[in-house]
């Protein structure tokens, strides 16, 4: 009724308002009469609808404001449903944030420029907790299977020993034996547990320092406080000062999974992001910046 009234008042005639609304003049006239009956007073001075009554002038200002608000609300709802609006909460490991996501987020932002993106980097244990507490829509890390969550493998990368470039191991690394690193201080991290080689397990058990945060870990290695073992992508941006030495156990790889609640429970923007990153993995455009 408000839209009908504002269109008649704007065009000054029933026929022009009817054309604009896609209705017949008789239907517009009937709706306008129902509105005036509801108000209890005439809104136009003449049957030609070319001049508003004083009450009609006051109501027109309110009607235009309400119609604009309603149309904006509908546009927002439609935008959310089409993933054009809304927000996306990502929880990822630091190596994924710096090496994998830039190309994905660039494409996503081009496709959905009005979607707000909240990207937080953290270790895999915290990613799982954020997903469980529904404080993240999508998590990317080395994640275990969780009931009620959908999980798919995104990629895997090899582990290697990480040390300063001037470290003795960088010049004399023997990839045929773990024992070569046995006499050096190992700084452990959460990903070391994924390496199941018995020789490395014995070395890991002797470590007296555990640093889960990758940035802090690499800072200690740069200072010469020890060596560590990390996946290749975790040090992709730090090889100016550090060396990445291949490990003898070729099966020692870090697997990164993509995890979220089932699609039906996700906001459209999150569903669109999942589709984009899985499509990029499938067609080979998911570039790992090493």
Protein backbone atom coordinates (compact mmCIF):
# COMPACT_ATOMS: atom_id res chain seq x y z
CA UNK A 1 0.00 0.00 0.00
CA UNK A 2 2.80 2.43 0.85
CA UNK A 3 4.58 1.71 -2.42
CA UNK A 4 1.32 2.18 -4.35
CA UNK A 5 0.65 5.49 -2.60
CA UNK A 6 4.19 6.83 -3.18
CA UNK A 7 4.10 5.87 -6.87
CA UNK A 8 0.74 7.60 -7.43
CA UNK A 9 1.94 10.70 -5.54
CA UNK A 10 5.21 10.75 -7.50
CA UNK A 11 3.63 10.34 -10.96
CA UNK A 12 0.47 12.34 -10.28
CA UNK A 13 -1.75 9.88 -12.15
CA UNK A 14 -3.17 6.40 -11.69
CA UNK A 15 -2.23 5.23 -15.19
CA UNK A 16 1.45 6.25 -14.97
CA UNK A 17 1.76 4.76 -11.47
CA UNK A 18 0.14 1.55 -12.74
CA UNK A 19 2.71 1.30 -15.56
CA UNK A 20 5.56 1.80 -13.11
CA UNK A 21 4.17 -0.85 -10.74
CA UNK A 22 3.27 -3.33 -13.47
CA UNK A 23 -0.38 -3.33 -12.36
CA UNK A 24 -3.66 -2.25 -13.96
CA UNK A 25 -5.03 1.24 -13.14
CA UNK A 26 -8.09 -0.33 -11.53
CA UNK A 27 -5.93 -2.48 -9.23
CA UNK A 28 -3.88 0.56 -8.21
CA UNK A 29 -7.06 2.58 -7.60
CA UNK A 30 -8.51 -0.19 -5.43
CA UNK A 31 -5.33 -0.51 -3.34
CA UNK A 32 -5.13 3.25 -2.90
CA UNK A 33 -8.76 3.33 -1.71
CA UNK A 34 -8.01 0.54 0.77
CA UNK A 35 -5.09 2.60 2.08
CA UNK A 36 -7.24 5.73 2.47
CA UNK A 37 -9.92 3.65 4.23
CA UNK A 38 -7.25 2.31 6.57
CA UNK A 39 -5.97 5.85 7.27
CA UNK A 40 -9.53 7.16 7.62
CA UNK A 41 -8.93 10.23 5.50
CA UNK A 42 -8.43 11.25 1.89
CA UNK A 43 -4.83 11.59 0.73
CA UNK A 44 -5.50 13.39 -2.59
CA UNK A 45 -7.59 16.53 -3.16
CA UNK A 46 -8.99 15.42 -6.52
CA UNK A 47 -9.92 12.21 -8.28
CA UNK A 48 -7.08 12.85 -10.78
CA UNK A 49 -4.59 12.26 -7.92
CA UNK A 50 -2.49 15.25 -8.98
CA UNK A 51 -2.52 17.10 -5.66
CA UNK A 52 -2.00 15.74 -2.13
CA UNK A 53 -3.97 16.83 0.91
CA UNK A 54 -1.92 18.30 3.80
CA UNK A 55 -2.19 14.91 5.52
CA UNK A 56 -1.10 13.23 2.30
CA UNK A 57 2.04 15.42 2.19
CA UNK A 58 2.98 14.35 5.72
CA UNK A 59 2.31 10.68 5.02
CA UNK A 60 4.27 10.78 1.74
CA UNK A 61 7.51 11.66 3.55
CA UNK A 62 7.06 8.77 5.98
CA UNK A 63 5.94 6.41 3.22
CA UNK A 64 9.01 7.12 1.07
CA UNK A 65 11.29 6.49 4.04
CA UNK A 66 9.60 3.19 4.87
CA UNK A 67 9.50 1.99 1.26
CA UNK A 68 13.20 2.77 0.83
CA UNK A 69 14.01 0.92 4.06
CA UNK A 70 11.94 -2.09 2.97
CA UNK A 71 13.55 -2.22 -0.47
CA UNK A 72 17.00 -1.94 1.10
CA UNK A 73 16.16 -4.81 3.47
CA UNK A 74 14.99 -6.97 0.57
CA UNK A 75 18.18 -6.15 -1.35
CA UNK A 76 20.31 -7.17 1.65
CA UNK A 77 18.40 -10.45 2.03
CA UNK A 78 18.78 -11.22 -1.66
CA UNK A 79 22.46 -10.26 -1.52
CA UNK A 80 23.06 -12.61 1.41
CA UNK A 81 21.32 -15.44 -0.41
CA UNK A 82 23.47 -14.86 -3.52
CA UNK A 83 26.68 -14.53 -1.44
CA UNK A 84 26.99 -10.90 -2.59
CA UNK A 85 26.85 -9.67 1.01
CA UNK A 86 27.55 -11.10 4.45
CA UNK A 87 30.71 -12.17 6.20
CA UNK A 88 33.19 -15.02 6.09
CA UNK A 89 35.22 -16.17 9.11
CA UNK A 90 38.40 -18.11 8.32
CA UNK A 91 40.73 -19.78 10.84
CA UNK A 92 43.94 -21.04 9.24
CA UNK A 93 47.52 -21.93 10.07
CA UNK A 94 50.11 -19.18 9.41
CA UNK A 95 51.75 -21.07 6.53
CA UNK A 96 48.38 -21.44 4.79
CA UNK A 97 47.56 -17.77 5.38
CA UNK A 98 50.75 -16.61 3.67
CA UNK A 99 51.22 -19.19 0.91
CA UNK A 100 47.85 -20.61 -0.14
CA UNK A 101 45.10 -18.12 0.68
CA UNK A 102 46.29 -14.92 -1.07
CA UNK A 103 45.31 -16.14 -4.55
CA UNK A 104 42.04 -17.64 -3.28
CA UNK A 105 40.99 -14.54 -1.36
CA UNK A 106 41.95 -12.33 -4.32
CA UNK A 107 39.57 -14.27 -6.58
CA UNK A 108 36.87 -14.44 -3.93
CA UNK A 109 37.05 -10.68 -3.30
CA UNK A 110 36.73 -10.06 -7.03
CA UNK A 111 33.63 -12.27 -7.20
CA UNK A 112 32.04 -11.03 -3.95
CA UNK A 113 33.45 -7.57 -3.21
CA UNK A 114 30.87 -6.76 -0.53
CA UNK A 115 31.50 -9.82 1.64
CA UNK A 116 33.41 -8.99 4.84
CA UNK A 117 36.32 -11.39 5.47
CA UNK A 118 37.69 -12.12 8.94
CA UNK A 119 40.97 -14.04 8.60
CA UNK A 120 42.77 -15.26 11.73
CA UNK A 121 45.92 -17.39 11.80
CA UNK A 122 46.48 -19.87 14.63
CA UNK A 123 47.71 -23.40 15.26
CA UNK A 124 45.61 -26.40 14.25
CA UNK A 125 44.42 -27.17 17.80
CA UNK A 126 42.93 -23.68 18.13
CA UNK A 127 41.39 -23.91 14.67
CA UNK A 128 39.49 -27.03 15.75
CA UNK A 129 38.29 -25.23 18.89
CA UNK A 130 37.11 -22.18 16.94
CA UNK A 131 35.11 -24.41 14.60
CA UNK A 132 33.61 -26.33 17.51
CA UNK A 133 32.56 -23.09 19.23
CA UNK A 134 31.11 -21.78 15.94
CA UNK A 135 33.49 -18.81 15.97
CA UNK A 136 34.83 -19.76 12.53
CA UNK A 137 33.01 -20.87 9.39
CA UNK A 138 35.94 -22.61 7.70
CA UNK A 139 39.18 -23.96 9.14
CA UNK A 140 42.33 -24.92 7.23
CA UNK A 141 45.09 -26.84 9.01
CA UNK A 142 46.23 -30.30 10.08
CA UNK A 143 42.88 -31.22 11.55
CA UNK A 144 41.51 -34.53 12.89
CA UNK A 145 38.14 -35.91 11.92
CA UNK A 146 35.39 -34.37 14.05
CA UNK A 147 31.85 -35.67 14.27
CA UNK A 148 29.41 -33.34 12.57
CA UNK A 149 32.11 -31.66 10.46
CA UNK A 150 32.97 -32.20 6.81
CA UNK A 151 36.70 -32.54 6.12
CA UNK A 152 38.60 -32.81 2.84
CA UNK A 153 42.32 -32.90 2.12
CA UNK A 154 43.57 -29.70 0.53
CA UNK A 155 47.28 -30.47 0.01
CA UNK A 156 50.35 -31.99 1.63
CA UNK A 157 53.97 -30.85 1.80
CA UNK A 158 57.18 -32.55 2.95
CA UNK A 159 58.87 -32.02 6.31
CA UNK A 160 62.45 -30.85 6.47
CA UNK A 161 65.03 -29.77 8.99
CA UNK A 162 65.22 -25.99 9.43
CA UNK A 163 68.35 -24.21 10.63
CA UNK A 164 70.37 -21.07 10.01
CA UNK A 165 72.22 -20.97 6.71
CA UNK A 166 75.52 -20.74 8.57
CA UNK A 167 74.70 -23.75 10.77
CA UNK A 168 77.12 -26.71 10.39
CA UNK A 169 74.25 -28.96 9.29
CA UNK A 170 73.52 -26.70 6.32
CA UNK A 171 76.98 -27.48 4.93
CA UNK A 172 77.26 -31.12 6.01
CA UNK A 173 73.68 -32.40 6.02
CA UNK A 174 73.52 -36.15 5.47
CA UNK A 175 69.98 -36.97 4.33
CA UNK A 176 70.64 -40.67 4.74
CA UNK A 177 70.52 -40.58 8.55
CA UNK A 178 68.58 -38.89 11.36
CA UNK A 179 71.59 -39.35 13.63
CA UNK A 180 73.29 -36.38 11.97
CA UNK A 181 71.01 -34.01 13.90
CA UNK A 182 71.18 -35.92 17.17
CA UNK A 183 73.95 -33.77 18.68
CA UNK A 184 72.18 -30.47 18.04
CA UNK A 185 69.49 -28.71 20.10
CA UNK A 186 66.08 -29.51 18.66
CA UNK A 187 63.27 -27.01 19.25
CA UNK A 188 60.08 -29.05 19.01
CA UNK A 189 56.72 -27.87 17.69
CA UNK A 190 53.23 -29.34 17.44
CA UNK A 191 53.75 -30.67 13.93
CA UNK A 192 56.68 -32.86 14.96
CA UNK A 193 54.21 -35.42 16.28
CA UNK A 194 53.14 -36.16 12.70
CA UNK A 195 56.56 -37.70 11.94
CA UNK A 196 56.41 -41.35 12.98
CA UNK A 197 59.92 -42.48 12.07
CA UNK A 198 61.33 -44.27 15.19
CA UNK A 199 64.77 -42.65 14.84
CA UNK A 200 63.23 -39.18 14.85
CA UNK A 201 60.89 -40.07 17.73
CA UNK A 202 63.93 -40.82 19.89
CA UNK A 203 65.49 -37.44 19.01
CA UNK A 204 62.20 -35.63 19.67
CA UNK A 205 61.94 -37.20 23.12
CA UNK A 206 65.24 -35.52 24.09
CA UNK A 207 64.03 -32.02 23.17
CA UNK A 208 63.70 -29.66 26.13
CA UNK A 209 62.01 -26.80 24.29
CA UNK A 210 58.49 -26.77 22.77
CA UNK A 211 57.29 -23.75 20.75
CA UNK A 212 53.87 -24.09 19.03
CA UNK A 213 53.87 -20.63 17.40
CA UNK A 214 55.68 -20.73 14.05
CA UNK A 215 56.78 -17.09 14.07
CA UNK A 216 58.30 -17.45 17.55
CA UNK A 217 59.85 -20.77 16.58
CA UNK A 218 61.59 -19.36 13.51
CA UNK A 219 62.74 -16.36 15.54
CA UNK A 220 64.55 -18.68 17.96
CA UNK A 221 66.11 -20.61 15.08
CA UNK A 222 67.33 -17.34 13.50
CA UNK A 223 68.99 -16.46 16.80
CA UNK A 224 70.88 -19.74 16.69
CA UNK A 225 69.17 -21.27 19.75
CA UNK A 226 68.57 -24.55 17.95
CA UNK A 227 67.16 -26.31 14.92
CA UNK A 228 63.61 -27.50 14.22
CA UNK A 229 61.57 -29.60 11.82
CA UNK A 230 58.76 -28.01 9.80
CA UNK A 231 56.78 -28.52 6.58
CA UNK A 232 58.17 -26.88 3.46
CA UNK A 233 55.43 -24.23 3.18
CA UNK A 234 55.86 -23.16 6.81
CA UNK A 235 59.24 -21.61 5.95
CA UNK A 236 58.48 -20.52 2.40
CA UNK A 237 58.95 -16.83 3.25
CA UNK A 238 61.96 -17.28 5.55
CA UNK A 239 64.58 -18.92 3.35
CA UNK A 240 66.64 -15.75 3.04
CA UNK A 241 68.20 -16.47 6.45
CA UNK A 242 67.23 -20.11 7.01
CA UNK A 243 67.98 -23.38 5.26
CA UNK A 244 65.42 -26.11 4.59
CA UNK A 245 67.10 -29.53 4.51
CA UNK A 246 65.22 -32.58 3.16
CA UNK A 247 64.52 -35.47 5.52
CA UNK A 248 65.39 -39.09 4.93
CA UNK A 249 61.85 -40.30 5.60
CA UNK A 250 60.19 -39.46 2.30
CA UNK A 251 56.85 -40.39 3.84
CA UNK A 252 57.13 -37.59 6.40
CA UNK A 253 54.60 -35.10 5.08
CA UNK A 254 52.25 -32.62 6.65
CA UNK A 255 48.65 -32.98 5.44
CA UNK A 256 46.41 -29.92 5.43
CA UNK A 257 42.64 -30.31 5.56
CA UNK A 258 39.73 -28.03 4.83
CA UNK A 259 37.04 -28.33 7.51
CA UNK A 260 33.61 -26.81 8.08
CA UNK A 261 30.11 -27.67 9.15
CA UNK A 262 27.89 -29.28 6.48
CA UNK A 263 27.00 -26.96 3.61
CA UNK A 264 23.36 -26.74 4.68
CA UNK A 265 24.43 -25.09 7.95
CA UNK A 266 26.79 -22.56 6.38
CA UNK A 267 26.02 -19.00 5.32
CA UNK A 268 25.98 -18.56 1.51
CA UNK A 269 29.29 -16.66 1.56
CA UNK A 270 31.03 -19.59 3.30
CA UNK A 271 29.52 -22.05 0.83
CA UNK A 272 30.75 -19.90 -2.05
CA UNK A 273 34.28 -19.81 -0.59
CA UNK A 274 34.33 -23.60 -0.14
CA UNK A 275 33.24 -24.08 -3.74
CA UNK A 276 35.87 -21.66 -5.01
CA UNK A 277 38.81 -23.22 -3.17
CA UNK A 278 37.78 -26.80 -4.04
CA UNK A 279 37.30 -25.81 -7.69
CA UNK A 280 40.77 -24.20 -7.69
CA UNK A 281 42.25 -27.38 -6.24
CA UNK A 282 40.50 -29.46 -8.87
CA UNK A 283 41.58 -27.36 -11.85
CA UNK A 284 45.14 -26.86 -10.58
CA UNK A 285 44.90 -23.10 -10.05
CA UNK A 286 45.45 -23.39 -6.29
CA UNK A 287 49.01 -22.08 -6.35
CA UNK A 288 51.20 -22.90 -3.37
CA UNK A 289 53.63 -19.99 -3.01
CA UNK A 290 56.93 -21.68 -2.11
